[in-house]
Protein backbone atom coordinates (compact mmCIF):
# COMPACT_ATOMS: atom_id res chain seq x y z
CA MET A 1 -10.11 20.16 -23.14
CA THR A 2 -12.35 18.21 -20.92
CA ARG A 3 -12.79 14.45 -21.68
CA THR A 4 -16.20 12.83 -22.11
CA PHE A 5 -17.37 10.21 -19.77
CA GLU A 6 -17.09 7.56 -22.52
CA GLU A 7 -13.63 8.66 -23.48
CA LEU A 8 -12.51 8.29 -19.58
CA VAL A 9 -14.14 4.89 -19.37
CA ALA A 10 -12.58 3.50 -22.53
CA GLU A 11 -8.96 4.74 -21.48
CA ALA A 12 -9.18 3.28 -17.92
CA GLY A 13 -10.90 0.07 -19.05
CA ALA A 14 -8.16 -0.55 -21.51
CA VAL A 15 -4.81 -0.06 -19.24
CA SER A 16 -3.21 -2.98 -17.60
CA VAL A 17 -3.62 -3.32 -13.95
CA ASP A 18 -0.72 -5.87 -13.36
CA GLY A 19 1.42 -5.44 -10.49
CA TRP A 20 1.09 -3.03 -7.71
CA ASP A 21 2.51 0.24 -9.16
CA PHE A 22 -0.02 3.00 -9.05
CA SER A 23 1.97 5.40 -11.20
CA TRP A 24 -0.87 5.59 -13.89
CA LEU A 25 -2.90 7.60 -11.38
CA ASP A 26 -0.30 10.40 -11.18
CA GLY A 27 -2.32 13.71 -11.69
CA ARG A 28 -5.53 11.79 -11.32
CA ALA A 29 -5.61 10.62 -7.73
CA THR A 30 -3.73 11.18 -4.65
CA GLU A 31 -3.32 9.34 -1.51
CA GLU A 32 -1.72 10.35 1.58
CA ARG A 33 0.96 8.30 2.80
CA PRO A 34 1.39 6.81 6.52
CA SER A 35 3.63 8.84 8.77
CA TRP A 36 5.80 5.90 9.63
CA GLY A 37 7.24 5.38 6.31
CA TYR A 38 7.03 1.55 5.65
CA ALA A 39 9.58 1.20 3.00
CA ARG A 40 12.18 2.99 5.22
CA LEU A 41 11.46 0.67 7.90
CA VAL A 42 11.87 -2.17 5.81
CA GLY A 43 15.08 -0.75 4.73
CA GLU A 44 16.39 -0.39 8.36
CA ARG A 45 15.30 -3.81 9.42
CA MET A 46 16.76 -5.43 6.21
CA ALA A 47 20.10 -3.99 6.80
CA GLN A 48 20.25 -5.83 10.20
CA ALA A 49 18.92 -9.12 9.03
CA SER A 50 20.66 -12.38 7.83
CA ALA A 51 17.60 -13.85 6.31
CA ALA A 52 14.45 -12.13 5.16
CA LEU A 53 11.13 -13.10 3.56
CA ASP A 54 8.75 -10.87 1.94
CA VAL A 55 5.20 -12.22 1.89
CA GLU A 56 2.92 -11.39 -0.89
CA THR A 57 5.45 -9.12 -2.52
CA GLY A 58 3.17 -8.14 -5.25
CA GLY A 59 5.43 -7.09 -8.12
CA GLY A 60 8.40 -6.53 -5.82
CA GLU A 61 8.00 -2.90 -5.58
CA VAL A 62 9.03 -2.42 -1.88
CA LEU A 63 12.13 -4.64 -1.99
CA ALA A 64 13.17 -3.46 -5.34
CA GLY A 65 13.67 0.07 -3.35
CA VAL A 66 15.59 -1.36 -0.47
CA SER A 67 19.25 -0.40 -0.75
CA ARG A 68 20.68 -3.21 1.18
CA LEU A 69 18.86 -6.58 1.23
CA ALA A 70 19.49 -9.35 3.86
CA PRO A 71 22.17 -11.78 2.56
CA LEU A 72 19.42 -14.35 2.04
CA THR A 73 16.11 -12.66 0.72
CA VAL A 74 13.20 -14.57 -0.39
CA ALA A 75 9.73 -13.28 -1.62
CA THR A 76 6.51 -14.94 -2.19
CA GLU A 77 3.51 -14.15 -4.58
CA SER A 78 0.81 -16.28 -5.84
CA TRP A 79 -0.68 -14.02 -8.67
CA PRO A 80 1.17 -15.13 -12.09
CA PRO A 81 1.20 -11.59 -13.43
CA ASN A 82 2.81 -10.32 -10.31
CA ILE A 83 5.37 -13.28 -10.05
CA ALA A 84 6.46 -12.35 -13.56
CA ARG A 85 7.02 -8.57 -12.47
CA ALA A 86 8.55 -9.38 -9.18
CA SER A 87 11.05 -11.98 -10.71
CA GLN A 88 12.08 -9.32 -13.33
CA ARG A 89 12.72 -6.82 -10.72
CA LEU A 90 14.20 -9.02 -7.96
CA HIS A 91 16.12 -11.84 -9.69
CA PRO A 92 18.98 -9.31 -10.57
CA ARG A 93 19.57 -8.78 -6.95
CA GLY A 94 19.55 -12.44 -5.93
CA VAL A 95 16.17 -12.70 -4.55
CA ALA A 96 13.94 -15.89 -5.62
CA VAL A 97 10.34 -15.28 -6.00
CA VAL A 98 8.33 -18.49 -5.07
CA SER A 99 4.54 -19.31 -5.17
CA PRO A 100 3.02 -20.34 -1.85
CA GLY A 101 1.38 -23.37 -3.69
CA ASP A 102 -2.12 -24.21 -2.38
CA GLY A 103 -2.08 -21.08 0.05
CA THR A 104 -2.29 -22.83 3.29
CA ARG A 105 1.58 -23.05 4.23
CA LEU A 106 4.67 -21.09 3.52
CA PRO A 107 7.06 -23.27 1.71
CA PHE A 108 9.84 -22.84 3.86
CA GLY A 109 11.26 -24.89 7.06
CA ASP A 110 10.84 -23.81 10.73
CA GLY A 111 12.79 -20.98 12.06
CA VAL A 112 14.48 -20.07 8.83
CA PHE A 113 14.06 -16.20 8.85
CA ASP A 114 15.09 -13.49 11.14
CA LEU A 115 12.93 -11.11 9.48
CA VAL A 116 9.49 -11.20 7.70
CA VAL A 117 7.73 -8.48 6.07
CA SER A 118 4.58 -7.93 4.32
CA ARG A 119 2.88 -4.79 2.68
CA HIS A 120 -1.17 -5.02 2.36
CA PRO A 121 -1.47 -8.89 2.84
CA VAL A 122 -4.86 -10.18 1.74
CA THR A 123 -4.63 -12.31 4.77
CA THR A 124 -2.07 -12.80 7.26
CA TRP A 125 -0.95 -16.42 8.12
CA TRP A 126 -0.04 -15.86 11.85
CA GLU A 127 0.79 -19.46 12.76
CA GLU A 128 2.92 -19.78 9.34
CA ILE A 129 4.71 -16.52 10.19
CA SER A 130 5.47 -17.53 13.82
CA ARG A 131 6.62 -20.94 12.41
CA VAL A 132 9.07 -19.71 10.00
CA LEU A 133 10.46 -17.07 12.34
CA GLN A 134 13.80 -17.75 14.10
CA PRO A 135 13.41 -17.13 17.84
CA GLY A 136 13.85 -13.43 18.49
CA GLY A 137 12.83 -12.90 14.83
CA THR A 138 10.75 -9.95 13.73
CA TYR A 139 7.43 -9.51 11.70
CA LEU A 140 7.02 -6.23 10.19
CA SER A 141 3.73 -5.33 8.24
CA GLN A 142 1.70 -2.49 6.76
CA GLN A 143 -1.78 -3.59 6.25
CA VAL A 144 -5.21 -2.26 5.00
CA GLY A 145 -7.10 -1.07 8.06
CA PRO A 146 -11.09 -1.14 8.80
CA ARG A 147 -13.48 0.44 6.36
CA SER A 148 -10.77 1.56 3.98
CA VAL A 149 -12.10 3.85 1.18
CA VAL A 150 -15.55 3.02 2.52
CA GLU A 151 -16.86 6.02 0.76
CA LEU A 152 -16.28 4.77 -2.56
CA THR A 153 -17.62 1.16 -1.62
CA GLU A 154 -20.69 2.71 -0.28
CA PHE A 155 -21.25 4.96 -3.34
CA PHE A 156 -21.51 1.77 -5.48
CA MET A 157 -22.93 -0.76 -3.05
CA GLY A 158 -24.89 1.33 -0.50
CA PRO A 159 -24.32 1.36 3.39
CA GLN A 160 -21.99 -1.21 4.74
CA PRO A 161 -22.15 -2.78 8.11
CA ALA A 162 -20.15 -1.45 11.14
CA GLY A 163 -17.24 -3.15 12.25
CA SER A 164 -14.19 -4.90 10.23
CA GLY A 165 -12.16 -8.10 10.10
CA ARG A 166 -9.32 -5.62 9.33
CA ASP A 167 -9.21 -4.01 12.83
CA PRO A 168 -5.86 -3.62 14.24
CA GLU A 169 -6.67 -5.01 17.60
CA LEU A 170 -7.87 -8.34 15.95
CA ALA A 171 -4.20 -8.52 14.55
CA ARG A 172 -2.77 -7.81 17.84
CA ALA A 173 -4.96 -10.59 19.42
CA ALA A 174 -3.93 -13.02 16.45
CA ALA A 175 -0.35 -12.37 16.88
CA GLU A 176 -0.43 -12.75 20.47
CA ALA A 177 -2.53 -16.12 20.15
CA VAL A 178 0.37 -17.63 18.15
CA GLY A 179 3.22 -16.51 20.74
CA LEU A 180 4.28 -13.43 19.36
CA GLY A 181 4.81 -10.11 21.29
CA VAL A 182 3.53 -7.08 19.78
CA LEU A 183 6.18 -4.10 19.71
CA ASP A 184 4.25 -1.54 17.78
CA LEU A 185 0.77 -1.06 16.59
CA ARG A 186 -0.49 2.17 14.83
CA LEU A 187 -3.42 3.01 12.79
CA GLU A 188 -3.86 6.23 10.53
CA SER A 189 -6.78 7.41 8.21
CA LEU A 190 -5.48 8.89 5.18
CA ARG A 191 -7.23 11.33 2.49
CA THR A 192 -7.71 9.66 -0.82
CA VAL A 193 -8.88 12.00 -3.59
CA PHE A 194 -10.06 10.93 -7.04
CA HIS A 195 -10.15 13.81 -9.74
CA ASP A 196 -11.97 11.98 -12.46
CA ILE A 197 -13.79 8.93 -13.20
CA GLY A 198 -11.03 7.03 -15.08
CA ALA A 199 -8.98 6.97 -11.91
CA VAL A 200 -11.92 5.51 -10.02
CA ILE A 201 -12.39 2.89 -12.54
CA TYR A 202 -8.51 2.06 -12.61
CA PHE A 203 -8.52 1.81 -8.76
CA LEU A 204 -11.51 -0.42 -8.63
CA ARG A 205 -10.18 -2.82 -11.25
CA LYS A 206 -6.83 -3.00 -9.43
CA VAL A 207 -7.92 -3.09 -5.79
CA ILE A 208 -10.54 -5.73 -6.28
CA TRP A 209 -11.90 -5.99 -2.74
CA ILE A 210 -13.26 -2.19 -2.42
CA VAL A 211 -16.33 -3.17 -4.62
CA PRO A 212 -16.29 -6.76 -5.01
CA GLY A 213 -17.09 -7.91 -8.69
CA PHE A 214 -16.68 -4.50 -10.11
CA THR A 215 -17.00 -4.16 -14.01
CA VAL A 216 -17.73 -0.98 -15.80
CA ASP A 217 -20.70 -2.82 -17.40
CA ARG A 218 -22.04 -3.88 -14.09
CA TYR A 219 -21.80 -0.32 -12.53
CA ARG A 220 -22.16 2.08 -15.62
CA THR A 221 -25.23 3.82 -13.89
CA GLU A 222 -23.27 4.52 -10.83
CA LEU A 223 -20.15 5.51 -12.65
CA LYS A 224 -21.94 8.02 -14.80
CA ALA A 225 -23.55 9.36 -11.59
CA LEU A 226 -20.19 9.80 -9.93
CA HIS A 227 -18.73 11.35 -13.24
CA ASP A 228 -21.53 13.84 -13.16
CA ARG A 229 -20.88 14.54 -9.59
CA ILE A 230 -17.03 15.08 -9.93
CA GLN A 231 -17.86 17.64 -13.02
CA ALA A 232 -20.37 19.51 -10.70
CA ASP A 233 -18.78 19.49 -7.30
CA GLY A 234 -15.04 18.65 -7.78
CA PRO A 235 -12.88 15.65 -6.61
CA PHE A 236 -14.41 12.57 -4.84
CA LEU A 237 -12.96 12.36 -1.28
CA ALA A 238 -12.51 9.13 0.50
CA HIS A 239 -10.43 8.02 3.64
CA THR A 240 -7.83 5.02 3.29
CA THR A 241 -7.04 3.30 6.36
CA ARG A 242 -3.58 1.73 7.12
CA PHE A 243 -2.03 0.14 10.01
CA LEU A 244 1.53 -0.93 11.07
CA ILE A 245 2.23 -3.82 13.22
CA GLU A 246 5.64 -5.08 14.33
CA ALA A 247 5.87 -8.28 16.46
CA ARG A 248 8.67 -10.40 17.56
CA LYS A 249 8.86 -14.06 18.48
CA PRO A 250 10.38 -14.76 21.82
CA ALA A 251 14.02 -15.75 22.07
CA SER A 252 14.87 -19.17 23.08
CA ARG A 253 15.53 -19.71 26.57
CA HIS A 254 18.70 -21.78 27.39
């Protein structure tokens, strides 16, 4: 039986959006995955590392799926609900989850880690990453790319300006500016399909930068219009962008 707009709104507005697990969307939305397989790459790098850091671990989902962690593995997370979830997942595996404090400095000494990883960081602290990496150490990150899911943003907020601070070439320049050598840089555009308005609401509540300040009440008119469009024309198609960057700190010269 087809559910009404109000039923879908009530359901999606009540569900928890803690953590970085999107399983609630199973059967309601789909997103293509990048071809490089970030979790697999992290697992390969972890198996060779002696000391590793996961920056902005979210709920610890990526690390929890790695079969063999570095002997010393630490994660940072700043959002309290995620800290609790990550701790529950990772403490049994010997991973400490710490808060970065004021958000301007990683709470670790210089040259501690030979591997730093981060999936979808809000910002990348390039100077801090370079500081905590050992000479010869590697930074591996999958990041949100330019104008990701812009079709959804523009449906609610109107046309958006060209250009983006999430351009992978800006990341390359920032890495090189702190002395890191970029080994790999790849960008992909991936189909993201929303099958009902509940999926859209859940996504916008969870991924808060797509429509900043989103609430159901504030955008009820637009939500109803999109619901009607999905009912008439089928699923709403957008495109997620992701880029992979891997950079290395030069080895010490003797």
